[in-house]
Amino acid sequence: MAIIAQVATLLGIVCSVIIGVSQQGGDFIMGTLSLLLYISFQCSDRTLSLSHENMLKQIPSTIESALSRFNLTSKTVLYAVCNCHCTY
């Protein structure tokens, strides 16, 4: 995987796991990163080089697929704790 694709994927994962962005938000971040890279890689005639096309194909389109590339697709269970210190 190209270093730019790795950094883009890692940025999406950090937003999802550490910052707590929702799955829809994570998908938006991954799509936005792909779009920004696509626009920045375009030549003056609006084409992409073969290496840039291959790099863009390496960036996952959803946060779920990005998490699976880093083996972070575990299921979690949310618990709530009330003021009486009971866990539900």
PDB file of N, CA and C in Angstrom:
ATOM      1  N   MET A   1       0.855  -1.177   0.000  1.00  0.00           N
ATOM      2  CA  MET A   1       0.000   0.000   0.000  1.00  0.00           C
ATOM      3  C   MET A   1       0.898   1.237   0.000  1.00  0.00           C
ATOM      4  N   ALA A   2       0.563   2.190  -0.840  1.00  0.00           N
ATOM      5  CA  ALA A   2       1.341   3.420  -0.950  1.00  0.00           C
ATOM      6  C   ALA A   2       1.242   4.226   0.344  1.00  0.00           C
ATOM      7  N   ILE A   3       2.277   4.986   0.633  1.00  0.00           N
ATOM      8  CA  ILE A   3       2.334   5.740   1.887  1.00  0.00           C
ATOM      9  C   ILE A   3       1.203   6.756   1.985  1.00  0.00           C
ATOM     10  N   ILE A   4       0.827   7.393   0.881  1.00  0.00           N
ATOM     11  CA  ILE A   4      -0.274   8.360   0.925  1.00  0.00           C
ATOM     12  C   ILE A   4      -1.582   7.655   1.243  1.00  0.00           C
ATOM     13  N   ALA A   5      -1.797   6.484   0.674  1.00  0.00           N
ATOM     14  CA  ALA A   5      -3.007   5.708   0.969  1.00  0.00           C
ATOM     15  C   ALA A   5      -3.015   5.261   2.427  1.00  0.00           C
ATOM     16  N   GLN A   6      -1.855   4.898   2.951  1.00  0.00           N
ATOM     17  CA  GLN A   6      -1.763   4.500   4.352  1.00  0.00           C
ATOM     18  C   GLN A   6      -2.092   5.660   5.289  1.00  0.00           C
ATOM     19  N   VAL A   7      -1.577   6.833   4.982  1.00  0.00           N
ATOM     20  CA  VAL A   7      -1.830   8.007   5.824  1.00  0.00           C
ATOM     21  C   VAL A   7      -3.305   8.387   5.760  1.00  0.00           C
ATOM     22  N   ALA A   8      -3.906   8.350   4.581  1.00  0.00           N
ATOM     23  CA  ALA A   8      -5.324   8.673   4.442  1.00  0.00           C
ATOM     24  C   ALA A   8      -6.181   7.674   5.225  1.00  0.00           C
ATOM     25  N   THR A   9      -5.844   6.394   5.140  1.00  0.00           N
ATOM     26  CA  THR A   9      -6.579   5.364   5.878  1.00  0.00           C
ATOM     27  C   THR A   9      -6.394   5.549   7.374  1.00  0.00           C
ATOM     28  N   LEU A  10      -5.178   5.832   7.801  1.00  0.00           N
ATOM     29  CA  LEU A  10      -4.916   6.043   9.223  1.00  0.00           C
ATOM     30  C   LEU A  10      -5.671   7.256   9.757  1.00  0.00           C
ATOM     31  N   LEU A  11      -5.747   8.319   8.981  1.00  0.00           N
ATOM     32  CA  LEU A  11      -6.492   9.502   9.404  1.00  0.00           C
ATOM     33  C   LEU A  11      -7.965   9.172   9.631  1.00  0.00           C
ATOM     34  N   GLY A  12      -8.558   8.405   8.733  1.00  0.00           N
ATOM     35  CA  GLY A  12      -9.945   7.988   8.909  1.00  0.00           C
ATOM     36  C   GLY A  12     -10.125   7.126  10.143  1.00  0.00           C
ATOM     37  N   ILE A  13      -9.177   6.226  10.396  1.00  0.00           N
ATOM     38  CA  ILE A  13      -9.253   5.348  11.568  1.00  0.00           C
ATOM     39  C   ILE A  13      -9.114   6.149  12.856  1.00  0.00           C
ATOM     40  N   VAL A  14      -8.196   7.101  12.892  1.00  0.00           N
ATOM     41  CA  VAL A  14      -8.025   7.931  14.087  1.00  0.00           C
ATOM     42  C   VAL A  14      -9.305   8.704  14.378  1.00  0.00           C
ATOM     43  N   CYS A  15      -9.920   9.252  13.343  1.00  0.00           N
ATOM     44  CA  CYS A  15     -11.181   9.979  13.547  1.00  0.00           C
ATOM     45  C   CYS A  15     -12.265   9.055  14.076  1.00  0.00           C
ATOM     46  N   SER A  16     -12.287   7.829  13.613  1.00  0.00           N
ATOM     47  CA  SER A  16     -13.326   6.890  14.028  1.00  0.00           C
ATOM     48  C   SER A  16     -13.075   6.337  15.419  1.00  0.00           C
ATOM     49  N   VAL A  17     -11.880   5.852  15.674  1.00  0.00           N
ATOM     50  CA  VAL A  17     -11.601   5.141  16.921  1.00  0.00           C
ATOM     51  C   VAL A  17     -11.301   6.096  18.068  1.00  0.00           C
ATOM     52  N   ILE A  18     -10.424   7.034  17.857  1.00  0.00           N
ATOM     53  CA  ILE A  18      -9.978   7.891  18.954  1.00  0.00           C
ATOM     54  C   ILE A  18     -10.915   9.070  19.175  1.00  0.00           C
ATOM     55  N   ILE A  19     -11.312   9.737  18.102  1.00  0.00           N
ATOM     56  CA  ILE A  19     -12.172  10.903  18.237  1.00  0.00           C
ATOM     57  C   ILE A  19     -13.633  10.500  18.407  1.00  0.00           C
ATOM     58  N   GLY A  20     -14.008   9.324  17.914  1.00  0.00           N
ATOM     59  CA  GLY A  20     -15.364   8.822  18.105  1.00  0.00           C
ATOM     60  C   GLY A  20     -16.353   9.248  17.034  1.00  0.00           C
ATOM     61  N   VAL A  21     -15.877   9.484  15.824  1.00  0.00           N
ATOM     62  CA  VAL A  21     -16.764   9.843  14.725  1.00  0.00           C
ATOM     63  C   VAL A  21     -17.635   8.638  14.387  1.00  0.00           C
ATOM     64  N   SER A  22     -18.890   8.874  14.044  1.00  0.00           N
ATOM     65  CA  SER A  22     -19.818   7.785  13.712  1.00  0.00           C
ATOM     66  C   SER A  22     -19.394   7.091  12.420  1.00  0.00           C
ATOM     67  N   GLN A  23     -20.064   5.986  12.105  1.00  0.00           N
ATOM     68  CA  GLN A  23     -19.738   5.262  10.881  1.00  0.00           C
ATOM     69  C   GLN A  23     -20.041   6.117   9.653  1.00  0.00           C
ATOM     70  N   GLN A  24     -21.158   6.827   9.669  1.00  0.00           N
ATOM     71  CA  GLN A  24     -21.467   7.719   8.546  1.00  0.00           C
ATOM     72  C   GLN A  24     -20.440   8.833   8.437  1.00  0.00           C
ATOM     73  N   GLY A  25     -20.024   9.371   9.566  1.00  0.00           N
ATOM     74  CA  GLY A  25     -18.990  10.397   9.557  1.00  0.00           C
ATOM     75  C   GLY A  25     -17.670   9.856   9.053  1.00  0.00           C
ATOM     76  N   GLY A  26     -17.332   8.641   9.456  1.00  0.00           N
ATOM     77  CA  GLY A  26     -16.105   8.002   8.976  1.00  0.00           C
ATOM     78  C   GLY A  26     -16.135   7.752   7.480  1.00  0.00           C
ATOM     79  N   ASP A  27     -17.301   7.309   6.975  1.00  0.00           N
ATOM     80  CA  ASP A  27     -17.444   7.111   5.529  1.00  0.00           C
ATOM     81  C   ASP A  27     -17.294   8.443   4.791  1.00  0.00           C
ATOM     82  N   PHE A  28     -17.844   9.513   5.369  1.00  0.00           N
ATOM     83  CA  PHE A  28     -17.702  10.839   4.766  1.00  0.00           C
ATOM     84  C   PHE A  28     -16.237  11.264   4.737  1.00  0.00           C
ATOM     85  N   ILE A  29     -15.525  11.018   5.817  1.00  0.00           N
ATOM     86  CA  ILE A  29     -14.102  11.386   5.878  1.00  0.00           C
ATOM     87  C   ILE A  29     -13.305  10.613   4.830  1.00  0.00           C
ATOM     88  N   MET A  30     -13.558   9.309   4.705  1.00  0.00           N
ATOM     89  CA  MET A  30     -12.830   8.509   3.719  1.00  0.00           C
ATOM     90  C   MET A  30     -13.140   8.986   2.298  1.00  0.00           C
ATOM     91  N   GLY A  31     -14.407   9.298   2.023  1.00  0.00           N
ATOM     92  CA  GLY A  31     -14.783   9.792   0.700  1.00  0.00           C
ATOM     93  C   GLY A  31     -14.174  11.145   0.403  1.00  0.00           C
ATOM     94  N   THR A  32     -14.153  12.008   1.417  1.00  0.00           N
ATOM     95  CA  THR A  32     -13.585  13.342   1.241  1.00  0.00           C
ATOM     96  C   THR A  32     -12.078  13.267   1.001  1.00  0.00           C
ATOM     97  N   LEU A  33     -11.400  12.390   1.727  1.00  0.00           N
ATOM     98  CA  LEU A  33      -9.954  12.225   1.506  1.00  0.00           C
ATOM     99  C   LEU A  33      -9.676  11.736   0.090  1.00  0.00           C
ATOM    100  N   SER A  34     -10.463  10.780  -0.370  1.00  0.00           N
ATOM    101  CA  SER A  34     -10.287  10.280  -1.742  1.00  0.00           C
ATOM    102  C   SER A  34     -10.525  11.383  -2.759  1.00  0.00           C
ATOM    103  N   LEU A  35     -11.569  12.186  -2.544  1.00  0.00           N
ATOM    104  CA  LEU A  35     -11.878  13.269  -3.468  1.00  0.00           C
ATOM    105  C   LEU A  35     -10.772  14.326  -3.472  1.00  0.00           C
ATOM    106  N   LEU A  36     -10.279  14.694  -2.305  1.00  0.00           N
ATOM    107  CA  LEU A  36      -9.205  15.688  -2.234  1.00  0.00           C
ATOM    108  C   LEU A  36      -7.939  15.202  -2.934  1.00  0.00           C
ATOM    109  N   LEU A  37      -7.599  13.936  -2.721  1.00  0.00           N
ATOM    110  CA  LEU A  37      -6.419  13.396  -3.396  1.00  0.00           C
ATOM    111  C   LEU A  37      -6.634  13.317  -4.901  1.00  0.00           C
ATOM    112  N   TYR A  38      -7.843  12.940  -5.312  1.00  0.00           N
ATOM    113  CA  TYR A  38      -8.152  12.872  -6.744  1.00  0.00           C
ATOM    114  C   TYR A  38      -7.975  14.248  -7.392  1.00  0.00           C
ATOM    115  N   ILE A  39      -8.523  15.265  -6.741  1.00  0.00           N
ATOM    116  CA  ILE A  39      -8.410  16.620  -7.287  1.00  0.00           C
ATOM    117  C   ILE A  39      -6.956  17.089  -7.308  1.00  0.00           C
ATOM    118  N   SER A  40      -6.202  16.779  -6.274  1.00  0.00           N
ATOM    119  CA  SER A  40      -4.809  17.232  -6.221  1.00  0.00           C
ATOM    120  C   SER A  40      -3.909  16.475  -7.200  1.00  0.00           C
ATOM    121  N   PHE A  41      -4.285  15.241  -7.564  1.00  0.00           N
ATOM    122  CA  PHE A  41      -3.474  14.450  -8.496  1.00  0.00           C
ATOM    123  C   PHE A  41      -3.782  14.755  -9.960  1.00  0.00           C
ATOM    124  N   GLN A  42      -4.876  15.433 -10.252  1.00  0.00           N
ATOM    125  CA  GLN A  42      -5.261  15.675 -11.638  1.00  0.00           C
ATOM    126  C   GLN A  42      -4.229  16.534 -12.355  1.00  0.00           C
ATOM    127  N   CYS A  43      -3.979  16.173 -13.591  1.00  0.00           N
ATOM    128  CA  CYS A  43      -3.115  16.979 -14.452  1.00  0.00           C
ATOM    129  C   CYS A  43      -3.943  18.120 -15.033  1.00  0.00           C
ATOM    130  N   SER A  44      -3.306  18.976 -15.780  1.00  0.00           N
ATOM    131  CA  SER A  44      -4.010  20.122 -16.362  1.00  0.00           C
ATOM    132  C   SER A  44      -5.104  19.689 -17.337  1.00  0.00           C
ATOM    133  N   ASP A  45      -4.962  18.517 -17.953  1.00  0.00           N
ATOM    134  CA  ASP A  45      -5.995  18.025 -18.876  1.00  0.00           C
ATOM    135  C   ASP A  45      -7.015  17.114 -18.171  1.00  0.00           C
ATOM    136  N   ARG A  46      -7.051  17.181 -16.832  1.00  0.00           N
ATOM    137  CA  ARG A  46      -8.014  16.460 -15.982  1.00  0.00           C
ATOM    138  C   ARG A  46      -7.871  14.938 -16.046  1.00  0.00           C
ATOM    139  N   THR A  47      -6.672  14.459 -16.327  1.00  0.00           N
ATOM    140  CA  THR A  47      -6.412  13.022 -16.305  1.00  0.00           C
ATOM    141  C   THR A  47      -5.504  12.702 -15.121  1.00  0.00           C
ATOM    142  N   LEU A  48      -5.443  11.420 -14.800  1.00  0.00           N
ATOM    143  CA  LEU A  48      -4.569  10.946 -13.726  1.00  0.00           C
ATOM    144  C   LEU A  48      -3.498  10.048 -14.314  1.00  0.00           C
ATOM    145  N   SER A  49      -2.339  10.080 -13.711  1.00  0.00           N
ATOM    146  CA  SER A  49      -1.310   9.133 -14.121  1.00  0.00           C
ATOM    147  C   SER A  49      -1.686   7.750 -13.600  1.00  0.00           C
ATOM    148  N   LEU A  50      -1.087   6.746 -14.161  1.00  0.00           N
ATOM    149  CA  LEU A  50      -1.395   5.369 -13.762  1.00  0.00           C
ATOM    150  C   LEU A  50      -1.042   5.132 -12.298  1.00  0.00           C
ATOM    151  N   SER A  51       0.066   5.698 -11.831  1.00  0.00           N
ATOM    152  CA  SER A  51       0.456   5.504 -10.430  1.00  0.00           C
ATOM    153  C   SER A  51      -0.534   6.181  -9.483  1.00  0.00           C
ATOM    154  N   HIS A  52      -1.057   7.348  -9.878  1.00  0.00           N
ATOM    155  CA  HIS A  52      -2.051   8.017  -9.037  1.00  0.00           C
ATOM    156  C   HIS A  52      -3.370   7.248  -9.019  1.00  0.00           C
ATOM    157  N   GLU A  53      -3.768   6.699 -10.155  1.00  0.00           N
ATOM    158  CA  GLU A  53      -4.980   5.887 -10.191  1.00  0.00           C
ATOM    159  C   GLU A  53      -4.854   4.684  -9.260  1.00  0.00           C
ATOM    160  N   ASN A  54      -3.708   4.022  -9.325  1.00  0.00           N
ATOM    161  CA  ASN A  54      -3.490   2.854  -8.464  1.00  0.00           C
ATOM    162  C   ASN A  54      -3.493   3.244  -6.987  1.00  0.00           C
ATOM    163  N   MET A  55      -2.936   4.406  -6.673  1.00  0.00           N
ATOM    164  CA  MET A  55      -2.906   4.861  -5.287  1.00  0.00           C
ATOM    165  C   MET A  55      -4.325   5.135  -4.777  1.00  0.00           C
ATOM    166  N   LEU A  56      -5.143   5.775  -5.598  1.00  0.00           N
ATOM    167  CA  LEU A  56      -6.514   6.072  -5.200  1.00  0.00           C
ATOM    168  C   LEU A  56      -7.341   4.799  -5.019  1.00  0.00           C
ATOM    169  N   LYS A  57      -7.044   3.771  -5.791  1.00  0.00           N
ATOM    170  CA  LYS A  57      -7.749   2.493  -5.645  1.00  0.00           C
ATOM    171  C   LYS A  57      -7.418   1.810  -4.320  1.00  0.00           C
ATOM    172  N   GLN A  58      -6.289   2.149  -3.723  1.00  0.00           N
ATOM    173  CA  GLN A  58      -5.871   1.540  -2.461  1.00  0.00           C
ATOM    174  C   GLN A  58      -6.567   2.154  -1.248  1.00  0.00           C
ATOM    175  N   ILE A  59      -7.171   3.310  -1.414  1.00  0.00           N
ATOM    176  CA  ILE A  59      -7.840   3.976  -0.288  1.00  0.00           C
ATOM    177  C   ILE A  59      -9.235   3.396  -0.144  1.00  0.00           C
ATOM    178  N   PRO A  60      -9.567   2.853   1.028  1.00  0.00           N
ATOM    179  CA  PRO A  60     -10.889   2.270   1.217  1.00  0.00           C
ATOM    180  C   PRO A  60     -11.983   3.328   1.141  1.00  0.00           C
ATOM    181  N   SER A  61     -13.155   2.932   0.659  1.00  0.00           N
ATOM    182  CA  SER A  61     -14.256   3.888   0.510  1.00  0.00           C
ATOM    183  C   SER A  61     -15.108   3.988   1.767  1.00  0.00           C
ATOM    184  N   THR A  62     -15.026   3.000   2.648  1.00  0.00           N
ATOM    185  CA  THR A  62     -15.802   3.042   3.896  1.00  0.00           C
ATOM    186  C   THR A  62     -14.863   2.900   5.089  1.00  0.00           C
ATOM    187  N   ILE A  63     -15.319   3.388   6.223  1.00  0.00           N
ATOM    188  CA  ILE A  63     -14.508   3.291   7.432  1.00  0.00           C
ATOM    189  C   ILE A  63     -14.408   1.839   7.898  1.00  0.00           C
ATOM    190  N   GLU A  64     -15.433   1.044   7.627  1.00  0.00           N
ATOM    191  CA  GLU A  64     -15.412  -0.368   8.014  1.00  0.00           C
ATOM    192  C   GLU A  64     -14.292  -1.115   7.286  1.00  0.00           C
ATOM    193  N   SER A  65     -14.135  -0.853   6.000  1.00  0.00           N
ATOM    194  CA  SER A  65     -13.056  -1.515   5.265  1.00  0.00           C
ATOM    195  C   SER A  65     -11.689  -0.972   5.679  1.00  0.00           C
ATOM    196  N   ALA A  66     -11.629   0.298   6.070  1.00  0.00           N
ATOM    197  CA  ALA A  66     -10.368   0.852   6.575  1.00  0.00           C
ATOM    198  C   ALA A  66      -9.988   0.186   7.891  1.00  0.00           C
ATOM    199  N   LEU A  67     -10.965   0.006   8.771  1.00  0.00           N
ATOM    200  CA  LEU A  67     -10.699  -0.665  10.049  1.00  0.00           C
ATOM    201  C   LEU A  67     -10.268  -2.111   9.835  1.00  0.00           C
ATOM    202  N   SER A  68     -10.848  -2.776   8.851  1.00  0.00           N
ATOM    203  CA  SER A  68     -10.479  -4.175   8.608  1.00  0.00           C
ATOM    204  C   SER A  68      -9.056  -4.295   8.085  1.00  0.00           C
ATOM    205  N   ARG A  69      -8.569  -3.305   7.373  1.00  0.00           N
ATOM    206  CA  ARG A  69      -7.183  -3.350   6.881  1.00  0.00           C
ATOM    207  C   ARG A  69      -6.179  -3.291   8.028  1.00  0.00           C
ATOM    208  N   PHE A  70      -6.564  -2.673   9.124  1.00  0.00           N
ATOM    209  CA  PHE A  70      -5.701  -2.596  10.300  1.00  0.00           C
ATOM    210  C   PHE A  70      -6.129  -3.601  11.371  1.00  0.00           C
ATOM    211  N   ASN A  71      -7.020  -4.531  10.992  1.00  0.00           N
ATOM    212  CA  ASN A  71      -7.499  -5.589  11.886  1.00  0.00           C
ATOM    213  C   ASN A  71      -8.138  -5.005  13.153  1.00  0.00           C
ATOM    214  N   LEU A  72      -9.000  -4.009  12.979  1.00  0.00           N
ATOM    215  CA  LEU A  72      -9.662  -3.342  14.093  1.00  0.00           C
ATOM    216  C   LEU A  72     -11.181  -3.473  14.008  1.00  0.00           C
ATOM    217  N   THR A  73     -11.663  -4.593  13.529  1.00  0.00           N
ATOM    218  CA  THR A  73     -13.099  -4.761  13.300  1.00  0.00           C
ATOM    219  C   THR A  73     -13.783  -5.540  14.412  1.00  0.00           C
ATOM    220  N   SER A  74     -13.365  -5.363  15.626  1.00  0.00           N
ATOM    221  CA  SER A  74     -13.989  -6.095  16.729  1.00  0.00           C
ATOM    222  C   SER A  74     -15.315  -5.448  17.108  1.00  0.00           C
ATOM    223  N   LYS A  75     -16.212  -6.246  17.638  1.00  0.00           N
ATOM    224  CA  LYS A  75     -17.501  -5.746  18.104  1.00  0.00           C
ATOM    225  C   LYS A  75     -17.350  -5.277  19.540  1.00  0.00           C
ATOM    226  N   THR A  76     -18.001  -4.195  19.871  1.00  0.00           N
ATOM    227  CA  THR A  76     -17.949  -3.678  21.234  1.00  0.00           C
ATOM    228  C   THR A  76     -19.359  -3.623  21.805  1.00  0.00           C
ATOM    229  N   VAL A  77     -19.436  -3.682  23.109  1.00  0.00           N
ATOM    230  CA  VAL A  77     -20.707  -3.581  23.816  1.00  0.00           C
ATOM    231  C   VAL A  77     -20.662  -2.315  24.666  1.00  0.00           C
ATOM    232  N   LEU A  78     -21.656  -1.467  24.495  1.00  0.00           N
ATOM    233  CA  LEU A  78     -21.717  -0.236  25.271  1.00  0.00           C
ATOM    234  C   LEU A  78     -22.488  -0.485  26.557  1.00  0.00           C
ATOM    235  N   TYR A  79     -21.980   0.041  27.645  1.00  0.00           N
ATOM    236  CA  TYR A  79     -22.634  -0.051  28.940  1.00  0.00           C
ATOM    237  C   TYR A  79     -22.916   1.358  29.445  1.00  0.00           C
ATOM    238  N   ALA A  80     -23.975   1.464  30.232  1.00  0.00           N
ATOM    239  CA  ALA A  80     -24.318   2.750  30.847  1.00  0.00           C
ATOM    240  C   ALA A  80     -24.214   2.611  32.355  1.00  0.00           C
ATOM    241  N   VAL A  81     -23.695   3.626  33.008  1.00  0.00           N
ATOM    242  CA  VAL A  81     -23.573   3.639  34.461  1.00  0.00           C
ATOM    243  C   VAL A  81     -24.375   4.825  34.980  1.00  0.00           C
ATOM    244  N   CYS A  82     -25.307   4.554  35.900  1.00  0.00           N
ATOM    245  CA  CYS A  82     -26.116   5.627  36.432  1.00  0.00           C
ATOM    246  C   CYS A  82     -25.464   6.219  37.677  1.00  0.00           C
ATOM    247  N   ASN A  83     -26.119   7.200  38.273  1.00  0.00           N
ATOM    248  CA  ASN A  83     -25.563   7.865  39.463  1.00  0.00           C
ATOM    249  C   ASN A  83     -25.437   6.932  40.666  1.00  0.00           C
ATOM    250  N   CYS A  84     -26.234   5.863  40.699  1.00  0.00           N
ATOM    251  CA  CYS A  84     -26.172   4.924  41.805  1.00  0.00           C
ATOM    252  C   CYS A  84     -25.073   3.894  41.610  1.00  0.00           C
ATOM    253  N   HIS A  85     -24.249   4.081  40.572  1.00  0.00           N
ATOM    254  CA  HIS A  85     -23.105   3.213  40.251  1.00  0.00           C
ATOM    255  C   HIS A  85     -23.509   1.832  39.780  1.00  0.00           C
ATOM    256  N   CYS A  86     -24.717   1.700  39.272  1.00  0.00           N
ATOM    257  CA  CYS A  86     -25.150   0.428  38.674  1.00  0.00           C
ATOM    258  C   CYS A  86     -24.802   0.427  37.194  1.00  0.00           C
ATOM    259  N   THR A  87     -24.333  -0.684  36.717  1.00  0.00           N
ATOM    260  CA  THR A  87     -23.975  -0.823  35.307  1.00  0.00           C
ATOM    261  C   THR A  87     -25.095  -1.548  34.583  1.00  0.00           C
ATOM    262  N   TYR A  88     -25.515  -0.996  33.465  1.00  0.00           N
ATOM    263  CA  TYR A  88     -26.584  -1.595  32.665  1.00  0.00           C
ATOM    264  C   TYR A  88     -26.075  -1.939  31.304  1.00  0.00           C
TER     265      TYR A  88
END
